[in-house]
Structure formats: structure tokens, C-alpha cells
């Protein structure tokens, strides 16, 4: 009986403390938001979200690299190209991914944009569309239409409107993911959803980050790759890219600051949101940031971080609070980008556990206790060059199997 209670306790971990953001998405100047329940989800939870700008705003996007991009991804790419990156609205549904749905799926995604455009008073290509949920099922367009109409009627600048938008995009998320900063001369805020099928480049996640700083679409396109590299493209949960992942970056231009003045904070907001995805990780209890330095180049450093994060043995050791340096070190040796491990140093939570081709003396019990923190850092230092990379990964425990054994596509 004691063992059963212990197992149950480890299956259901407490959620992380969720800090109140300084700014919500709907508090970015010019943006109104809404989230409503349209019956797409069997649970009855909110499932249609809408973000509308008062006038065209600059936008750039990063999308899935999966060879089966969902219909909304195809349409949003087309619309960003046609609009030159100036948009008025983003419409989102959850509970159905509209993926692998053929020509009907494309027609449905375009109809969602058309319906919003007609109500807002803009061209259809000034509306972007996102979907998330189970794949291979046509959208229930009657419910989607009603949801869009309800969201249009509910649009608001009030603080909680951004949160309602967020709740309407969630699927298997255990908690809402939002972050926002009030800066001198501008604001930055964002929301995202995602908990599984994450890596190597986003996957099964939607993210929306906005600022009221001034920018051009070209400047956002130039910046978004680097922002994603430090956030949504640096998250690993289960090595399973998906079909719908989308990261949109918007600048409304209503504040006094230029985008260059807030670029670091935009990256910080995106990075925090990405950390929350890794922390949610379908059963995760912590996030480990793998920091690689001294690799031959940046691509090699990323490959090494990926190789370590891919290891189920590494991630179960993290779940078990086990400073098992042999798993970390041997996985570095498995990375194809490594030519020499001479000079390899490995540190966990700032404690060096391997150096000069041998383990170091460290207090195993103390380090194991330190590993119970929600935020771990695993440093891997080589001496092959100046390549560096970071990757956030969740640990791997009982709950991950439980969630995914019961979830169906």
C-alpha cells in the first residue's frame, strides 16, 4: 500500500508557480483579444481564439518543417507572403488540427480567414490562421463559424481578454503559459501552448509574441530566426516533430521605442514561454538547460546538445535526481559532431562531475538534493573550437507514458 501511494505521488507532480505577467497580450497597444467555447472540444472548454489589431501591424512567422504541414500553416505562409507581412488578425481553433485533411482542410482554413476579414474590414490575406489538436479529422465548420462570430463579439482590450485567448488555444497543457514585460517606452507580451511532440524545431506548439514598439516586417523577419533559436527552437520534450507549429511575432508600432530597443526583451519573453513548454512536458518535473561550449562550431554544439537531450537514460536520471555523470559523458561521446573528448568537462548545477578524463570527487547526496530544483543546468565544455549552443529539455518520468498511452490522434 505504501509503494502504491508513493507511485501515485510521483505520477502527479505539483505545477510550477505561475507568476502574474506585468502585461497581457491584450494590453499591447492596438490589440484586442477573445477566446470562446464553440463545442469543438468534447470537454466544452474554450476552443476558438481571436486577436485583432486596430490597423495593419508588422508580423513575421516561423513554421513547422514537417513535410506534412497542416492546412493553416500552408494558408498562413501564403498570407504572410501576399500581405508583405502586414496583418490585421489571427484566428485560432483548438481541439482539431486541420492537418492531413487535403483540399477540404485548405478550403476550411481559408474560410476562417475570409469570415474574420469580412467582419474586421480587411483583405483575407491580412488574416492568419492556426489550428491545434487531433489530426486527420475535418473541421466542424458549423461550430467554427459560430465560434468566430462569438469571438468577434467578445473582442476586448481588457487584461483578461489575453488570458481568454490563451485558454482557447490550449490542448493537453497542464497550465497556461504567458509572460509579459512593461519597459520604458514599450511593452512586450506573449502566450503559447504546447506540452508534447516537441523537437527539433517547435512542433505541436503555437506561440504569439507581440510588442507595441515600432518595426517593419523586414526587421521582424530578420530577428525572428535568432529569437526562435534561443526559445521555441531550443526546446526538447520527445523528439517528435508535428504538423502545426507556428510562432508569430507582431509589432503594432504604437509605442515610442523601436524594435531594436526591445529585441532582447522579446527574446527573454519567448525564452520564458519556451521554458514553460519544457516544464509542462507531459509529466515533467523540471527543466534542464543543456549548455554546450567549446564545440567546433555552432551546428556541432547544437548536435551535441540534441544528442544528450535525446537520451532516455539521461532524462530518466534527471527525473530520479541521479547525478549519473556516466550517462552524460558517454552520450557526448556518441555525438557525431565530436572529434575529440580530450579536455571534456561536465558540470551539473555548477558542480563539476567529470574532468580530465575521469570523474571528480563531489558530494553525491548534496548534488542529488540540488537536482530537485525545477531549473537545472548541465554544462558540457569541450576544447575543439568556439561553437556554443543551448537546449531546454524536460525530464522523463512515469506520467509521460501515462499521458501518451491514453492520447489518440
Protein backbone atom coordinates (compact mmCIF):
# COMPACT_ATOMS: atom_id res chain seq x y z
CA UNK A 1 0.00 0.00 0.00
CA UNK A 2 2.87 2.38 0.83
CA UNK A 3 4.52 1.66 -2.54
CA UNK A 4 1.26 2.38 -4.40
CA UNK A 5 0.86 5.73 -2.67
CA UNK A 6 4.46 6.61 -3.45
CA UNK A 7 3.99 5.78 -7.13
CA UNK A 8 0.80 7.84 -7.30
CA UNK A 9 2.63 10.81 -5.77
CA UNK A 10 5.31 10.61 -8.46
CA UNK A 11 2.71 10.35 -11.21
CA UNK A 12 1.04 13.63 -10.26
CA UNK A 13 3.56 16.35 -9.66
CA UNK A 14 2.72 19.83 -8.44
CA UNK A 15 2.52 22.51 -11.10
CA UNK A 16 5.18 25.22 -11.21
CA UNK A 17 4.43 28.56 -9.56
CA UNK A 18 2.81 30.76 -12.19
CA UNK A 19 3.78 34.41 -11.89
CA UNK A 20 1.35 37.13 -12.86
CA UNK A 21 2.71 38.79 -16.02
CA UNK A 22 3.28 42.53 -15.95
CA UNK A 23 1.47 42.82 -19.29
CA UNK A 24 -1.04 40.58 -21.03
CA UNK A 25 -1.33 40.09 -24.79
CA UNK A 26 -4.44 42.28 -24.98
CA UNK A 27 -2.62 45.11 -23.18
CA UNK A 28 -0.30 45.62 -26.14
CA UNK A 29 -1.49 48.88 -27.69
CA UNK A 30 -3.85 48.30 -30.66
CA UNK A 31 -4.58 44.63 -29.91
CA UNK A 32 -7.92 43.20 -28.87
CA UNK A 33 -8.32 39.53 -27.95
CA UNK A 34 -11.03 36.98 -27.28
CA UNK A 35 -11.44 33.29 -26.52
CA UNK A 36 -14.74 31.40 -26.54
CA UNK A 37 -16.14 27.87 -26.37
CA UNK A 38 -17.69 26.67 -29.63
CA UNK A 39 -18.06 22.95 -28.90
CA UNK A 40 -15.08 21.76 -30.96
CA UNK A 41 -13.61 20.21 -27.82
CA UNK A 42 -15.70 17.47 -26.27
CA UNK A 43 -14.77 18.89 -22.86
CA UNK A 44 -16.67 22.09 -23.59
CA UNK A 45 -13.60 24.19 -22.83
CA UNK A 46 -12.75 27.32 -24.88
CA UNK A 47 -11.59 26.42 -28.38
CA UNK A 48 -11.78 29.47 -30.68
CA UNK A 49 -9.44 32.43 -30.18
CA UNK A 50 -9.12 35.72 -31.99
CA UNK A 51 -6.51 38.50 -31.98
CA UNK A 52 -7.37 41.69 -33.90
CA UNK A 53 -5.34 44.85 -34.45
CA UNK A 54 -6.95 48.26 -34.95
CA UNK A 55 -4.85 48.78 -38.10
CA UNK A 56 -2.35 46.65 -40.07
CA UNK A 57 0.62 45.62 -37.95
CA UNK A 58 4.02 44.16 -38.85
CA UNK A 59 4.31 40.39 -38.49
CA UNK A 60 6.80 37.59 -39.14
CA UNK A 61 6.41 33.85 -38.62
CA UNK A 62 8.35 30.65 -38.13
CA UNK A 63 6.52 27.45 -39.05
CA UNK A 64 6.87 23.68 -38.87
CA UNK A 65 9.48 21.96 -41.01
CA UNK A 66 7.39 18.80 -41.11
CA UNK A 67 6.71 17.63 -44.68
CA UNK A 68 3.01 17.31 -43.76
CA UNK A 69 2.28 20.95 -42.89
CA UNK A 70 -1.28 21.44 -41.72
CA UNK A 71 -3.68 23.49 -43.83
CA UNK A 72 -3.49 26.55 -41.56
CA UNK A 73 0.30 26.56 -41.86
CA UNK A 74 0.05 26.50 -45.67
CA UNK A 75 -2.51 29.31 -45.67
CA UNK A 76 -0.66 31.49 -43.14
CA UNK A 77 2.57 31.20 -45.13
CA UNK A 78 0.68 32.25 -48.27
CA UNK A 79 -0.98 35.16 -46.50
CA UNK A 80 2.24 36.50 -44.98
CA UNK A 81 3.82 36.46 -48.43
CA UNK A 82 0.80 38.11 -50.08
CA UNK A 83 0.44 40.81 -47.41
CA UNK A 84 4.14 41.61 -47.22
CA UNK A 85 3.97 40.90 -43.50
CA UNK A 86 1.27 43.47 -42.65
CA UNK A 87 -1.73 41.79 -41.00
CA UNK A 88 -4.90 42.69 -39.11
CA UNK A 89 -5.90 39.50 -37.32
CA UNK A 90 -5.03 35.97 -36.21
CA UNK A 91 -7.77 33.35 -35.77
CA UNK A 92 -7.08 30.10 -33.91
CA UNK A 93 -9.03 26.97 -33.13
CA UNK A 94 -8.03 24.17 -30.77
CA UNK A 95 -9.33 20.63 -30.45
CA UNK A 96 -8.81 19.90 -34.15
CA UNK A 97 -5.51 20.39 -36.01
CA UNK A 98 -6.98 20.56 -39.52
CA UNK A 99 -3.94 18.53 -40.56
CA UNK A 100 -3.83 15.80 -43.22
CA UNK A 101 -7.26 16.96 -44.38
CA UNK A 102 -6.49 17.61 -48.07
CA UNK A 103 -8.25 20.22 -50.18
CA UNK A 104 -11.16 20.45 -47.78
CA UNK A 105 -8.77 21.43 -45.00
CA UNK A 106 -7.30 24.22 -47.11
CA UNK A 107 -10.77 25.47 -48.03
CA UNK A 108 -11.81 25.46 -44.36
CA UNK A 109 -8.69 27.37 -43.26
CA UNK A 110 -9.29 29.96 -45.96
CA UNK A 111 -12.93 30.28 -44.97
CA UNK A 112 -11.87 31.03 -41.39
CA UNK A 113 -9.73 33.88 -42.69
CA UNK A 114 -12.47 35.11 -45.04
CA UNK A 115 -15.01 35.23 -42.22
CA UNK A 116 -12.75 37.24 -39.94
CA UNK A 117 -11.70 39.57 -42.77
CA UNK A 118 -15.29 40.36 -43.68
CA UNK A 119 -16.09 41.30 -40.09
CA UNK A 120 -12.90 43.26 -39.44
CA UNK A 121 -12.95 45.06 -42.77
CA UNK A 122 -9.67 43.87 -44.27
CA UNK A 123 -8.44 41.62 -47.06
CA UNK A 124 -8.41 37.84 -46.42
CA UNK A 125 -4.63 37.70 -46.80
CA UNK A 126 -4.34 40.11 -43.87
CA UNK A 127 -5.66 37.35 -41.60
CA UNK A 128 -3.52 34.45 -40.38
CA UNK A 129 -4.94 31.15 -39.13
CA UNK A 130 -3.70 28.49 -36.71
CA UNK A 131 -5.16 25.18 -35.53
CA UNK A 132 -4.10 22.62 -32.94
CA UNK A 133 -5.49 19.31 -31.72
CA UNK A 134 -6.04 15.85 -33.18
CA UNK A 135 -5.02 15.32 -36.81
CA UNK A 136 -6.83 13.74 -39.73
CA UNK A 137 -10.35 15.00 -38.99
CA UNK A 138 -12.18 17.70 -40.95
CA UNK A 139 -13.03 20.83 -39.00
CA UNK A 140 -16.64 21.00 -37.75
CA UNK A 141 -17.18 24.22 -39.65
CA UNK A 142 -20.60 24.94 -38.23
CA UNK A 143 -19.06 25.15 -34.76
CA UNK A 144 -16.03 27.04 -36.06
CA UNK A 145 -18.21 29.68 -37.73
CA UNK A 146 -20.25 30.15 -34.58
CA UNK A 147 -17.05 30.34 -32.54
CA UNK A 148 -15.58 33.02 -34.80
CA UNK A 149 -18.75 35.06 -34.57
CA UNK A 150 -18.76 34.70 -30.79
CA UNK A 151 -15.10 35.70 -30.57
CA UNK A 152 -15.68 38.75 -32.76
CA UNK A 153 -18.43 39.88 -30.41
CA UNK A 154 -16.23 39.29 -27.37
CA UNK A 155 -13.11 41.18 -28.53
CA UNK A 156 -11.68 43.36 -25.78
CA UNK A 157 -8.61 45.35 -24.78
CA UNK A 158 -9.05 44.40 -21.13
CA UNK A 159 -6.32 42.46 -19.38
CA UNK A 160 -8.22 39.20 -19.05
CA UNK A 161 -9.03 39.11 -22.78
CA UNK A 162 -5.47 38.00 -23.49
CA UNK A 163 -5.89 35.23 -20.96
CA UNK A 164 -9.15 34.11 -22.54
CA UNK A 165 -7.31 33.95 -25.89
CA UNK A 166 -4.67 31.79 -24.21
CA UNK A 167 -7.14 29.35 -22.67
CA UNK A 168 -8.84 28.89 -26.04
CA UNK A 169 -5.61 27.71 -27.72
CA UNK A 170 -4.68 25.10 -25.09
CA UNK A 171 -4.98 21.32 -25.58
CA UNK A 172 -3.03 18.92 -23.33
CA UNK A 173 -1.40 21.79 -21.45
CA UNK A 174 -1.43 21.30 -17.70
CA UNK A 175 -1.24 25.05 -17.08
CA UNK A 176 -1.49 28.33 -19.03
CA UNK A 177 1.74 29.79 -20.41
CA UNK A 178 2.09 33.57 -20.57
CA UNK A 179 4.68 36.24 -19.91
CA UNK A 180 4.86 39.99 -20.32
CA UNK A 181 7.15 42.93 -19.57
CA UNK A 182 6.46 46.65 -19.19
CA UNK A 183 9.52 48.57 -20.42
CA UNK A 184 10.36 52.24 -20.69
CA UNK A 185 8.75 53.24 -23.95
CA UNK A 186 7.22 49.88 -24.94
CA UNK A 187 5.56 46.67 -23.83
CA UNK A 188 6.19 43.03 -24.74
CA UNK A 189 3.79 40.15 -24.06
CA UNK A 190 3.26 36.63 -25.28
CA UNK A 191 1.33 33.40 -24.85
CA UNK A 192 1.90 29.88 -26.10
CA UNK A 193 0.59 26.34 -25.88
CA UNK A 194 2.47 23.07 -26.05
CA UNK A 195 3.37 20.12 -23.86
CA UNK A 196 4.33 17.18 -26.10
CA UNK A 197 5.57 16.29 -29.58
CA UNK A 198 8.21 19.00 -29.17
CA UNK A 199 11.53 18.95 -31.10
CA UNK A 200 13.61 19.57 -33.10
CA UNK A 201 12.03 22.81 -34.32
CA UNK A 202 8.98 23.73 -32.23
CA UNK A 203 6.26 21.17 -33.12
CA UNK A 204 2.75 20.88 -31.67
CA UNK A 205 3.08 24.34 -30.25
CA UNK A 206 1.57 27.70 -31.05
CA UNK A 207 3.20 30.89 -29.83
CA UNK A 208 2.23 34.53 -30.18
CA UNK A 209 4.57 37.29 -29.02
CA UNK A 210 3.71 40.96 -29.54
CA UNK A 211 5.21 44.35 -28.78
CA UNK A 212 3.91 47.86 -29.34
CA UNK A 213 7.38 49.00 -30.42
CA UNK A 214 7.84 50.27 -33.98
CA UNK A 215 9.09 47.83 -36.61
CA UNK A 216 8.89 46.85 -40.24
CA UNK A 217 8.04 43.33 -41.38
CA UNK A 218 11.57 43.05 -42.78
CA UNK A 219 13.09 43.84 -39.39
CA UNK A 220 10.89 41.22 -37.72
CA UNK A 221 11.81 38.64 -40.36
CA UNK A 222 15.48 39.38 -39.75
CA UNK A 223 15.08 38.97 -36.00
CA UNK A 224 12.65 36.07 -35.61
CA UNK A 225 15.11 33.32 -36.51
CA UNK A 226 17.50 34.36 -33.75
CA UNK A 227 14.63 34.78 -31.28
CA UNK A 228 13.37 31.27 -32.10
CA UNK A 229 16.88 29.82 -31.82
CA UNK A 230 17.02 30.96 -28.18
CA UNK A 231 13.47 29.87 -27.35
CA UNK A 232 10.98 27.76 -29.29
CA UNK A 233 13.64 26.08 -31.44
CA UNK A 234 15.64 25.25 -28.32
CA UNK A 235 13.04 23.06 -26.61
CA UNK A 236 13.11 19.27 -26.45
CA UNK A 237 10.38 17.08 -24.97
CA UNK A 238 10.06 13.91 -27.01
CA UNK A 239 11.80 14.15 -30.38
CA UNK A 240 8.61 14.07 -32.41
CA UNK A 241 8.08 16.97 -34.82
CA UNK A 242 4.47 17.65 -35.70
CA UNK A 243 2.42 19.41 -38.37
CA UNK A 244 1.03 22.66 -36.98
CA UNK A 245 3.71 24.51 -35.05
CA UNK A 246 3.65 28.26 -35.54
CA UNK A 247 5.45 31.17 -33.88
CA UNK A 248 4.17 34.62 -34.81
CA UNK A 249 5.95 37.85 -33.82
CA UNK A 250 3.96 41.08 -34.09
CA UNK A 251 4.83 44.76 -33.66
CA UNK A 252 1.96 47.24 -33.51
CA UNK A 253 4.12 50.38 -33.68
CA UNK A 254 2.03 52.32 -31.16
CA UNK A 255 4.85 52.95 -28.64
CA UNK A 256 7.81 55.30 -28.73
CA UNK A 257 10.53 52.65 -28.82
CA UNK A 258 11.95 50.92 -31.87
CA UNK A 259 12.03 47.14 -32.12
CA UNK A 260 15.82 47.20 -31.79
CA UNK A 261 15.35 48.72 -28.32
CA UNK A 262 13.24 45.76 -27.13
CA UNK A 263 14.72 42.88 -29.11
CA UNK A 264 16.49 41.46 -26.05
CA UNK A 265 13.27 41.58 -24.03
CA UNK A 266 11.32 39.95 -26.86
CA UNK A 267 13.86 37.11 -26.76
CA UNK A 268 13.51 36.94 -22.97
CA UNK A 269 9.71 36.68 -23.17
CA UNK A 270 9.93 33.99 -25.86
CA UNK A 271 12.58 32.14 -23.86
CA UNK A 272 10.42 32.10 -20.73
CA UNK A 273 7.45 30.81 -22.70
CA UNK A 274 9.64 28.06 -24.19
CA UNK A 275 10.85 27.14 -20.70
CA UNK A 276 7.22 26.74 -19.63
CA UNK A 277 6.63 24.35 -22.55
CA UNK A 278 9.57 22.21 -21.47
CA UNK A 279 8.35 22.35 -17.86
CA UNK A 280 4.90 21.17 -18.92
CA UNK A 281 6.45 18.34 -20.99
CA UNK A 282 3.58 15.90 -20.24
CA UNK A 283 4.66 14.70 -16.83
CA UNK A 284 7.84 16.73 -16.47
CA UNK A 285 9.02 17.74 -13.02
CA UNK A 286 11.87 20.01 -14.08
CA UNK A 287 13.68 21.65 -16.99
CA UNK A 288 17.34 21.07 -17.68
CA UNK A 289 19.16 23.65 -19.77
CA UNK A 290 21.99 21.92 -21.60
CA UNK A 291 24.74 24.42 -22.34
CA UNK A 292 27.46 23.33 -24.74
CA UNK A 293 30.65 25.35 -25.24
CA UNK A 294 33.94 24.68 -26.99
CA UNK A 295 32.45 22.74 -29.90
CA UNK A 296 33.89 23.03 -33.43
CA UNK A 297 31.11 25.39 -34.49
CA UNK A 298 27.55 26.34 -33.60
CA UNK A 299 25.99 23.49 -35.59
CA UNK A 300 28.23 20.98 -33.83
CA UNK A 301 27.31 22.43 -30.45
CA UNK A 302 23.61 22.09 -31.25
CA UNK A 303 24.15 18.48 -32.39
CA UNK A 304 25.87 17.65 -29.10
CA UNK A 305 23.07 19.23 -27.06
CA UNK A 306 20.50 17.34 -29.15
CA UNK A 307 22.32 14.05 -28.68
CA UNK A 308 22.38 14.44 -24.91
CA UNK A 309 18.72 15.53 -24.76
CA UNK A 310 17.64 12.56 -26.91
CA UNK A 311 18.91 10.05 -24.38
CA UNK A 312 16.15 8.42 -22.35
CA UNK A 313 18.84 7.33 -19.89
CA UNK A 314 19.93 10.92 -19.36
CA UNK A 315 16.40 12.17 -18.91
CA UNK A 316 15.34 9.38 -16.53
CA UNK A 317 18.44 10.15 -14.45
CA UNK A 318 17.28 13.75 -14.29
CA UNK A 319 13.81 12.58 -13.21
CA UNK A 320 15.37 10.41 -10.50
CA UNK A 321 17.66 13.21 -9.25
CA UNK A 322 20.62 10.97 -10.05
CA UNK A 323 23.92 12.77 -10.82
CA UNK A 324 24.90 9.89 -13.09
CA UNK A 325 27.80 11.55 -14.89
CA UNK A 326 28.47 8.38 -16.93
CA UNK A 327 25.22 8.86 -18.87
CA UNK A 328 26.01 12.48 -19.68
CA UNK A 329 29.62 11.89 -20.67
CA UNK A 330 29.03 8.75 -22.74
CA UNK A 331 26.27 10.49 -24.68
CA UNK A 332 28.65 13.31 -25.59
CA UNK A 333 30.91 10.59 -26.97
CA UNK A 334 28.02 9.38 -29.15
CA UNK A 335 27.59 12.78 -30.84
CA UNK A 336 28.69 12.62 -34.47
CA UNK A 337 29.99 16.19 -34.31
CA UNK A 338 32.59 15.41 -31.66
CA UNK A 339 36.09 14.67 -32.92
CA UNK A 340 37.89 14.59 -29.59
CA UNK A 341 36.72 14.39 -25.99
CA UNK A 342 40.14 15.35 -24.67
CA UNK A 343 39.57 18.14 -22.21
CA UNK A 344 35.85 17.40 -21.80
CA UNK A 345 34.40 18.88 -18.65
CA UNK A 346 30.89 18.19 -17.41
CA UNK A 347 29.18 20.14 -14.62
CA UNK A 348 25.70 19.79 -13.13
CA UNK A 349 24.19 22.64 -11.14
CA UNK A 350 27.61 24.26 -11.11
CA UNK A 351 29.26 21.16 -9.63
CA UNK A 352 31.98 19.61 -11.81
CA UNK A 353 31.36 15.86 -12.04
CA UNK A 354 33.81 14.93 -14.81
CA UNK A 355 37.11 16.46 -15.88
CA UNK A 356 40.48 15.35 -17.26
CA UNK A 357 39.10 12.01 -18.49
CA UNK A 358 37.87 11.00 -15.05
CA UNK A 359 35.08 11.64 -12.55
CA UNK A 360 35.71 14.24 -9.88
CA UNK A 361 35.09 13.97 -6.16
CA UNK A 362 31.74 15.50 -5.27
CA UNK A 363 29.06 15.12 -2.61
CA UNK A 364 26.58 12.86 -4.38
CA UNK A 365 23.82 13.27 -1.80
CA UNK A 366 24.11 17.07 -1.84
CA UNK A 367 24.06 17.21 -5.63
CA UNK A 368 21.08 14.85 -5.77
CA UNK A 369 19.24 17.20 -3.42
CA UNK A 370 20.16 20.17 -5.62
CA UNK A 371 18.72 18.33 -8.63
CA UNK A 372 15.26 18.51 -7.10
CA UNK A 373 15.05 22.11 -8.28
CA UNK A 374 12.74 22.92 -11.18
CA UNK A 375 15.52 24.53 -13.17
CA UNK A 376 18.77 22.60 -13.71
CA UNK A 377 21.84 23.50 -15.74
CA UNK A 378 24.05 20.86 -17.36
CA UNK A 379 27.29 22.37 -18.68
CA UNK A 380 29.27 20.47 -21.30
CA UNK A 381 32.59 22.08 -22.20
CA UNK A 382 34.88 20.83 -24.96
CA UNK A 383 38.08 22.28 -26.40
CA UNK A 384 37.50 21.90 -30.14
CA UNK A 385 36.52 25.45 -31.06
CA UNK A 386 34.25 28.35 -30.15
CA UNK A 387 30.88 26.77 -31.02
CA UNK A 388 28.16 27.17 -28.39
CA UNK A 389 24.50 26.21 -28.09
CA UNK A 390 21.76 25.74 -25.52
CA UNK A 391 18.74 23.45 -25.38
CA UNK A 392 15.99 23.12 -22.78
CA UNK A 393 14.77 19.58 -22.13
CA UNK A 394 12.25 18.07 -19.75
CA UNK A 395 12.91 15.03 -17.61
CA UNK A 396 11.25 11.71 -18.44
CA UNK A 397 9.05 10.06 -15.85
CA UNK A 398 6.03 7.83 -15.33
CA UNK A 399 3.45 10.47 -16.18
CA UNK A 400 4.73 10.91 -19.76
CA UNK A 401 3.90 7.29 -20.58
CA UNK A 402 0.51 7.56 -18.87
CA UNK A 403 -0.50 10.69 -20.82
CA UNK A 404 0.62 9.47 -24.22
CA UNK A 405 -0.72 5.93 -23.83
CA UNK A 406 -4.17 7.43 -23.38
CA UNK A 407 -4.00 10.17 -26.06
CA UNK A 408 -5.14 9.41 -29.58
CA UNK A 409 -4.69 11.09 -32.95
